[in-house]
């Protein structure tokens, strides 16, 4: 796909991809919504992956198992919603650092542990995220 198409895109959806197919850094400055869907195998998203999507408002991860979220999520000042659908995630601490996050949730996970995460740097609100522990090495 040519770089002009990516630069002008407002929506990006990747399905059934390999970790090796992900670039180190996405360069899509206009994108508002990203959907990543993969079949439960452990996934490595590069730490710099989200650095070039500063306007991202909604991130949907589906059928993904991660040990931790990439650190570049912390620089997404416009991110308002993080949806985890049938995902497994070991470390959720970073979610509490997302300062403008208004929605955080998941669907379709049995045996879920509920953890309260203090959200945003303002510390004014709390999000309750329902996330299981990850079995990334299985």
N, C-alpha and C. Protein backbone atom coordinates (compact mmCIF):
# COMPACT_ATOMS: atom_id res chain seq x y z
N UNK A 1 0.85 -1.17 0.00
CA UNK A 1 0.00 0.00 0.00
C UNK A 1 0.90 1.23 0.00
N UNK A 2 0.55 2.23 -0.81
CA UNK A 2 1.43 3.39 -0.88
C UNK A 2 1.26 4.30 0.34
N UNK A 3 2.30 5.05 0.63
CA UNK A 3 2.33 5.85 1.85
C UNK A 3 1.29 6.97 1.85
N UNK A 4 0.92 7.50 0.69
CA UNK A 4 -0.10 8.56 0.62
C UNK A 4 -1.45 8.03 1.09
N UNK A 5 -1.80 6.80 0.70
CA UNK A 5 -3.06 6.19 1.13
C UNK A 5 -3.07 6.05 2.66
N UNK A 6 -1.95 5.58 3.23
CA UNK A 6 -1.86 5.42 4.67
C UNK A 6 -1.94 6.77 5.39
N UNK A 7 -1.28 7.77 4.85
CA UNK A 7 -1.29 9.10 5.48
C UNK A 7 -2.69 9.70 5.53
N UNK A 8 -3.52 9.42 4.54
CA UNK A 8 -4.87 10.00 4.46
C UNK A 8 -5.95 9.13 5.09
N UNK A 9 -5.60 7.92 5.52
CA UNK A 9 -6.59 6.98 6.06
C UNK A 9 -7.14 7.44 7.40
N UNK A 10 -8.44 7.22 7.60
CA UNK A 10 -9.09 7.52 8.88
C UNK A 10 -9.35 6.26 9.69
N UNK A 11 -9.35 5.10 9.03
CA UNK A 11 -9.64 3.82 9.66
C UNK A 11 -8.64 2.79 9.16
N UNK A 12 -8.18 1.93 10.08
CA UNK A 12 -7.28 0.86 9.68
C UNK A 12 -7.73 -0.41 10.38
N UNK A 13 -7.82 -1.50 9.63
CA UNK A 13 -8.17 -2.79 10.20
C UNK A 13 -7.21 -3.84 9.66
N UNK A 14 -6.59 -4.57 10.58
CA UNK A 14 -5.68 -5.65 10.21
C UNK A 14 -6.22 -6.95 10.81
N UNK A 15 -6.40 -7.96 9.98
CA UNK A 15 -6.94 -9.24 10.41
C UNK A 15 -5.95 -10.36 10.10
N UNK A 16 -5.85 -11.33 11.02
CA UNK A 16 -5.02 -12.52 10.82
C UNK A 16 -3.64 -12.20 10.28
N UNK A 17 -2.92 -11.37 10.98
CA UNK A 17 -1.59 -10.96 10.57
C UNK A 17 -0.55 -11.60 11.47
N UNK A 18 0.67 -11.60 11.03
CA UNK A 18 1.82 -12.08 11.78
C UNK A 18 2.49 -10.90 12.46
N UNK A 19 3.13 -11.13 13.58
CA UNK A 19 3.91 -10.07 14.22
C UNK A 19 4.96 -9.53 13.25
N UNK A 20 5.51 -10.41 12.44
CA UNK A 20 6.56 -10.00 11.50
C UNK A 20 6.02 -9.07 10.42
N UNK A 21 4.71 -9.04 10.23
CA UNK A 21 4.12 -8.17 9.21
C UNK A 21 3.87 -6.75 9.72
N UNK A 22 4.00 -6.54 11.02
CA UNK A 22 3.76 -5.21 11.58
C UNK A 22 5.00 -4.34 11.41
N UNK A 23 4.80 -3.10 10.98
CA UNK A 23 5.95 -2.20 10.90
C UNK A 23 6.38 -1.79 12.32
N UNK A 24 7.60 -1.31 12.45
CA UNK A 24 8.06 -0.81 13.75
C UNK A 24 7.23 0.39 14.19
N UNK A 25 6.78 1.18 13.21
CA UNK A 25 6.03 2.40 13.50
C UNK A 25 5.01 2.64 12.39
N UNK A 26 3.75 2.83 12.77
CA UNK A 26 2.72 3.19 11.80
C UNK A 26 2.83 4.68 11.51
N UNK A 27 2.73 5.06 10.24
CA UNK A 27 2.73 6.47 9.87
C UNK A 27 1.37 6.79 9.25
N UNK A 28 0.40 7.00 10.10
CA UNK A 28 -0.97 7.29 9.68
C UNK A 28 -1.49 8.43 10.55
N UNK A 29 -1.05 9.66 10.32
CA UNK A 29 -1.36 10.76 11.23
C UNK A 29 -2.84 11.10 11.33
N UNK A 30 -3.66 10.73 10.35
CA UNK A 30 -5.07 11.07 10.37
C UNK A 30 -5.98 9.98 10.94
N UNK A 31 -5.45 8.78 11.11
CA UNK A 31 -6.28 7.65 11.51
C UNK A 31 -6.92 7.90 12.88
N UNK A 32 -8.22 7.59 12.98
CA UNK A 32 -8.99 7.79 14.22
C UNK A 32 -9.35 6.46 14.89
N UNK A 33 -9.40 5.38 14.08
CA UNK A 33 -9.82 4.07 14.58
C UNK A 33 -8.90 3.00 14.02
N UNK A 34 -8.39 2.15 14.90
CA UNK A 34 -7.59 1.00 14.47
C UNK A 34 -8.19 -0.26 15.09
N UNK A 35 -8.36 -1.27 14.25
CA UNK A 35 -8.82 -2.58 14.69
C UNK A 35 -7.73 -3.59 14.35
N UNK A 36 -7.25 -4.31 15.36
CA UNK A 36 -6.27 -5.38 15.16
C UNK A 36 -6.91 -6.67 15.64
N UNK A 37 -7.00 -7.66 14.76
CA UNK A 37 -7.60 -8.94 15.13
C UNK A 37 -6.67 -10.07 14.71
N UNK A 38 -6.47 -10.99 15.64
CA UNK A 38 -5.57 -12.11 15.41
C UNK A 38 -6.05 -13.30 16.22
N UNK A 39 -5.70 -14.46 15.84
CA UNK A 39 -6.15 -15.66 16.54
C UNK A 39 -5.23 -16.04 17.69
N UNK A 40 -5.45 -15.55 18.84
CA UNK A 40 -4.90 -15.93 20.15
C UNK A 40 -3.43 -16.25 20.29
N UNK A 41 -2.69 -16.50 19.22
CA UNK A 41 -1.27 -16.74 19.40
C UNK A 41 -0.64 -15.52 20.03
N UNK A 42 0.40 -15.71 20.80
CA UNK A 42 1.09 -14.59 21.44
C UNK A 42 1.57 -13.63 20.36
N UNK A 43 1.41 -12.37 20.61
CA UNK A 43 1.72 -11.34 19.64
C UNK A 43 2.70 -10.34 20.23
N UNK A 44 3.61 -9.89 19.43
CA UNK A 44 4.52 -8.83 19.83
C UNK A 44 4.21 -7.61 18.98
N UNK A 45 3.70 -6.56 19.61
CA UNK A 45 3.51 -5.29 18.91
C UNK A 45 4.71 -4.42 19.28
N UNK A 46 5.45 -3.92 18.27
CA UNK A 46 6.63 -3.11 18.59
C UNK A 46 6.27 -1.93 19.50
N UNK A 47 7.16 -1.59 20.42
CA UNK A 47 6.91 -0.50 21.36
C UNK A 47 6.68 0.84 20.68
N UNK A 48 7.21 1.02 19.49
CA UNK A 48 7.07 2.29 18.76
C UNK A 48 5.91 2.26 17.76
N UNK A 49 5.15 1.19 17.74
CA UNK A 49 4.12 0.97 16.73
C UNK A 49 3.12 2.12 16.61
N UNK A 50 2.65 2.68 17.71
CA UNK A 50 1.59 3.70 17.68
C UNK A 50 2.12 5.13 17.65
N UNK A 51 3.41 5.34 17.51
CA UNK A 51 3.97 6.69 17.55
C UNK A 51 3.49 7.59 16.42
N UNK A 52 3.17 7.05 15.27
CA UNK A 52 2.75 7.86 14.13
C UNK A 52 1.25 7.97 13.95
N UNK A 53 0.49 7.67 15.00
CA UNK A 53 -0.99 7.76 14.92
C UNK A 53 -1.51 8.66 16.06
N UNK A 54 -1.00 9.87 16.12
CA UNK A 54 -1.28 10.79 17.22
C UNK A 54 -2.76 11.15 17.36
N UNK A 55 -3.55 11.03 16.29
CA UNK A 55 -4.97 11.39 16.35
C UNK A 55 -5.88 10.21 16.65
N UNK A 56 -5.30 9.06 16.97
CA UNK A 56 -6.11 7.86 17.25
C UNK A 56 -7.03 8.09 18.43
N UNK A 57 -8.32 7.80 18.22
CA UNK A 57 -9.31 7.96 19.29
C UNK A 57 -9.82 6.63 19.82
N UNK A 58 -9.86 5.61 18.95
CA UNK A 58 -10.41 4.32 19.34
C UNK A 58 -9.46 3.21 18.87
N UNK A 59 -9.11 2.33 19.81
CA UNK A 59 -8.29 1.16 19.49
C UNK A 59 -9.06 -0.07 19.91
N UNK A 60 -9.24 -0.99 18.96
CA UNK A 60 -9.93 -2.25 19.22
C UNK A 60 -8.94 -3.38 18.98
N UNK A 61 -8.72 -4.18 20.00
CA UNK A 61 -7.88 -5.37 19.88
C UNK A 61 -8.78 -6.58 20.06
N UNK A 62 -8.72 -7.51 19.14
CA UNK A 62 -9.61 -8.66 19.17
C UNK A 62 -8.82 -9.95 18.98
N UNK A 63 -9.12 -10.95 19.83
CA UNK A 63 -8.47 -12.27 19.75
C UNK A 63 -6.95 -12.16 19.81
N UNK A 64 -6.46 -11.33 20.68
CA UNK A 64 -5.02 -11.09 20.78
C UNK A 64 -4.54 -11.42 22.19
N UNK A 65 -3.39 -12.02 22.27
CA UNK A 65 -2.75 -12.31 23.55
C UNK A 65 -1.42 -11.55 23.60
N UNK A 66 -1.32 -10.65 24.56
CA UNK A 66 -0.12 -9.82 24.72
C UNK A 66 0.40 -9.94 26.14
N UNK A 67 1.71 -9.88 26.28
CA UNK A 67 2.25 -9.81 27.63
C UNK A 67 2.05 -8.40 28.16
N UNK A 68 2.25 -7.41 27.30
CA UNK A 68 2.00 -6.03 27.71
C UNK A 68 1.68 -5.19 26.48
N UNK A 69 1.04 -4.08 26.74
CA UNK A 69 0.72 -3.15 25.67
C UNK A 69 1.99 -2.39 25.28
N UNK A 70 2.10 -1.97 24.00
CA UNK A 70 3.29 -1.23 23.60
C UNK A 70 3.36 0.14 24.28
N UNK A 71 4.55 0.56 24.65
CA UNK A 71 4.72 1.82 25.39
C UNK A 71 4.29 3.04 24.58
N UNK A 72 4.25 2.95 23.26
CA UNK A 72 3.83 4.09 22.44
C UNK A 72 2.37 4.48 22.68
N UNK A 73 1.58 3.61 23.31
CA UNK A 73 0.20 3.98 23.65
C UNK A 73 0.16 5.18 24.60
N UNK A 74 1.19 5.33 25.41
CA UNK A 74 1.22 6.42 26.38
C UNK A 74 1.28 7.79 25.72
N UNK A 75 1.69 7.86 24.47
CA UNK A 75 1.79 9.13 23.77
C UNK A 75 0.54 9.47 22.97
N UNK A 76 -0.48 8.63 23.08
CA UNK A 76 -1.73 8.87 22.35
C UNK A 76 -2.66 9.73 23.20
N UNK A 77 -2.44 11.02 23.16
CA UNK A 77 -3.21 11.95 23.98
C UNK A 77 -4.68 12.02 23.59
N UNK A 78 -5.02 11.61 22.37
CA UNK A 78 -6.41 11.66 21.91
C UNK A 78 -7.16 10.34 22.09
N UNK A 79 -6.48 9.30 22.56
CA UNK A 79 -7.13 7.99 22.72
C UNK A 79 -8.22 8.07 23.79
N UNK A 80 -9.45 7.79 23.38
CA UNK A 80 -10.59 7.88 24.28
C UNK A 80 -11.19 6.52 24.60
N UNK A 81 -10.97 5.53 23.74
CA UNK A 81 -11.59 4.22 23.96
C UNK A 81 -10.61 3.11 23.60
N UNK A 82 -10.51 2.14 24.50
CA UNK A 82 -9.70 0.94 24.29
C UNK A 82 -10.62 -0.24 24.51
N UNK A 83 -10.89 -0.99 23.45
CA UNK A 83 -11.80 -2.14 23.53
C UNK A 83 -11.00 -3.42 23.30
N UNK A 84 -11.10 -4.32 24.25
CA UNK A 84 -10.41 -5.60 24.18
C UNK A 84 -11.47 -6.69 24.06
N UNK A 85 -11.50 -7.36 22.93
CA UNK A 85 -12.51 -8.36 22.65
C UNK A 85 -11.83 -9.72 22.57
N UNK A 86 -12.20 -10.63 23.46
CA UNK A 86 -11.59 -11.96 23.51
C UNK A 86 -10.06 -11.87 23.56
N UNK A 87 -9.55 -10.95 24.35
CA UNK A 87 -8.10 -10.74 24.47
C UNK A 87 -7.60 -11.27 25.80
N UNK A 88 -6.33 -11.54 25.82
CA UNK A 88 -5.64 -11.90 27.05
C UNK A 88 -4.46 -10.95 27.18
N UNK A 89 -4.32 -10.37 28.36
CA UNK A 89 -3.29 -9.37 28.58
C UNK A 89 -2.74 -9.53 29.98
N UNK A 90 -1.44 -9.74 30.09
CA UNK A 90 -0.82 -9.97 31.39
C UNK A 90 -0.71 -8.72 32.22
N UNK A 91 -0.25 -7.63 31.63
CA UNK A 91 0.06 -6.42 32.38
C UNK A 91 -0.86 -5.29 31.94
N UNK A 92 -1.74 -4.85 32.83
CA UNK A 92 -2.67 -3.79 32.48
C UNK A 92 -2.31 -2.44 33.11
N UNK A 93 -1.18 -2.36 33.79
CA UNK A 93 -0.81 -1.14 34.51
C UNK A 93 -0.81 0.09 33.61
N UNK A 94 -0.38 -0.06 32.37
CA UNK A 94 -0.29 1.08 31.46
C UNK A 94 -1.65 1.72 31.19
N UNK A 95 -2.72 0.95 31.25
CA UNK A 95 -4.04 1.48 30.96
C UNK A 95 -4.36 2.65 31.89
N UNK A 96 -3.94 2.57 33.12
CA UNK A 96 -4.18 3.65 34.07
C UNK A 96 -3.44 4.93 33.74
N UNK A 97 -2.44 4.87 32.90
CA UNK A 97 -1.66 6.04 32.51
C UNK A 97 -2.22 6.76 31.29
N UNK A 98 -3.23 6.18 30.64
CA UNK A 98 -3.82 6.80 29.46
C UNK A 98 -4.73 7.93 29.91
N UNK A 99 -4.25 9.17 29.76
CA UNK A 99 -4.88 10.30 30.44
C UNK A 99 -6.26 10.70 29.94
N UNK A 100 -6.61 10.45 28.70
CA UNK A 100 -7.92 10.86 28.19
C UNK A 100 -8.85 9.68 27.92
N UNK A 101 -8.48 8.50 28.39
CA UNK A 101 -9.29 7.31 28.15
C UNK A 101 -10.62 7.42 28.89
N UNK A 102 -11.70 7.27 28.14
CA UNK A 102 -13.04 7.34 28.72
C UNK A 102 -13.71 5.98 28.77
N UNK A 103 -13.33 5.10 27.85
CA UNK A 103 -13.91 3.76 27.79
C UNK A 103 -12.80 2.73 27.77
N UNK A 104 -12.96 1.73 28.61
CA UNK A 104 -12.02 0.62 28.61
C UNK A 104 -12.84 -0.61 28.94
N UNK A 105 -12.86 -1.56 28.06
CA UNK A 105 -13.65 -2.74 28.36
C UNK A 105 -13.29 -3.90 27.47
N UNK A 106 -13.92 -5.02 27.78
CA UNK A 106 -13.73 -6.19 26.95
C UNK A 106 -15.03 -6.96 26.86
N UNK A 107 -15.03 -7.92 25.98
CA UNK A 107 -16.18 -8.79 25.77
C UNK A 107 -15.71 -10.22 25.58
N UNK A 108 -16.53 -11.13 26.02
CA UNK A 108 -16.36 -12.52 25.64
C UNK A 108 -15.27 -13.28 26.33
N UNK A 109 -14.90 -12.89 27.53
CA UNK A 109 -13.85 -13.62 28.23
C UNK A 109 -14.44 -14.26 29.47
N UNK A 110 -14.29 -15.56 29.57
CA UNK A 110 -14.77 -16.25 30.76
C UNK A 110 -13.72 -16.25 31.85
N UNK A 111 -14.13 -16.43 33.10
CA UNK A 111 -13.19 -16.47 34.21
C UNK A 111 -12.40 -15.19 34.36
N UNK A 112 -13.07 -14.08 34.26
CA UNK A 112 -12.42 -12.79 34.22
C UNK A 112 -12.15 -12.25 35.61
N UNK A 113 -10.99 -11.71 35.79
CA UNK A 113 -10.65 -11.04 37.03
C UNK A 113 -10.89 -9.55 36.83
N UNK A 114 -11.54 -8.91 37.79
CA UNK A 114 -11.81 -7.49 37.69
C UNK A 114 -10.76 -6.72 38.47
N UNK A 115 -10.21 -5.72 37.84
CA UNK A 115 -9.23 -4.87 38.51
C UNK A 115 -9.64 -3.42 38.31
N UNK A 116 -9.55 -2.63 39.34
CA UNK A 116 -9.84 -1.22 39.19
C UNK A 116 -8.53 -0.51 38.87
N UNK A 117 -8.59 0.33 37.86
CA UNK A 117 -7.41 1.04 37.42
C UNK A 117 -7.67 2.52 37.55
N UNK A 118 -6.84 3.23 38.29
CA UNK A 118 -6.98 4.67 38.38
C UNK A 118 -6.58 5.25 37.03
N UNK A 119 -7.47 6.00 36.44
CA UNK A 119 -7.27 6.42 35.07
C UNK A 119 -6.83 7.87 34.98
N UNK A 120 -5.96 8.11 34.05
CA UNK A 120 -5.57 9.47 33.71
C UNK A 120 -4.63 10.08 34.71
N UNK A 121 -3.89 11.05 34.24
CA UNK A 121 -2.94 11.73 35.11
C UNK A 121 -3.65 12.63 36.09
N UNK A 122 -4.88 13.01 35.78
CA UNK A 122 -5.64 13.86 36.70
C UNK A 122 -6.06 13.08 37.94
N UNK A 123 -6.20 11.75 37.81
CA UNK A 123 -6.59 10.92 38.94
C UNK A 123 -8.02 11.15 39.39
N UNK A 124 -8.83 11.81 38.60
CA UNK A 124 -10.20 12.15 39.00
C UNK A 124 -11.20 11.02 38.80
N UNK A 125 -10.90 10.09 37.95
CA UNK A 125 -11.88 9.05 37.69
C UNK A 125 -11.22 7.68 37.72
N UNK A 126 -12.03 6.67 37.82
CA UNK A 126 -11.52 5.31 37.80
C UNK A 126 -12.21 4.55 36.69
N UNK A 127 -11.47 3.68 36.07
CA UNK A 127 -12.03 2.78 35.08
C UNK A 127 -11.95 1.38 35.65
N UNK A 128 -12.96 0.59 35.42
CA UNK A 128 -12.88 -0.79 35.81
C UNK A 128 -12.69 -1.60 34.54
N UNK A 129 -11.57 -2.27 34.47
CA UNK A 129 -11.25 -3.09 33.30
C UNK A 129 -11.37 -4.55 33.69
N UNK A 130 -12.02 -5.32 32.88
CA UNK A 130 -12.18 -6.74 33.12
C UNK A 130 -11.22 -7.48 32.21
N UNK A 131 -10.10 -7.87 32.75
CA UNK A 131 -9.06 -8.50 31.95
C UNK A 131 -8.58 -9.78 32.60
N UNK A 132 -8.40 -10.84 31.84
CA UNK A 132 -7.85 -12.07 32.38
C UNK A 132 -6.33 -12.04 32.34
N UNK A 133 -5.72 -12.96 32.97
CA UNK A 133 -4.26 -13.07 32.81
C UNK A 133 -3.98 -13.80 31.51
N UNK A 134 -2.81 -13.54 30.97
CA UNK A 134 -2.45 -14.07 29.66
C UNK A 134 -1.70 -15.37 29.77
N UNK A 135 -1.94 -16.23 28.83
CA UNK A 135 -1.16 -17.46 28.73
C UNK A 135 -0.36 -17.38 27.43
N UNK A 136 0.42 -16.31 27.30
CA UNK A 136 1.14 -16.01 26.06
C UNK A 136 2.14 -17.08 25.67
N UNK A 137 2.62 -17.85 26.61
CA UNK A 137 3.64 -18.83 26.28
C UNK A 137 3.06 -20.20 25.97
N UNK A 138 1.78 -20.31 25.93
CA UNK A 138 1.16 -21.62 25.65
C UNK A 138 1.13 -21.89 24.17
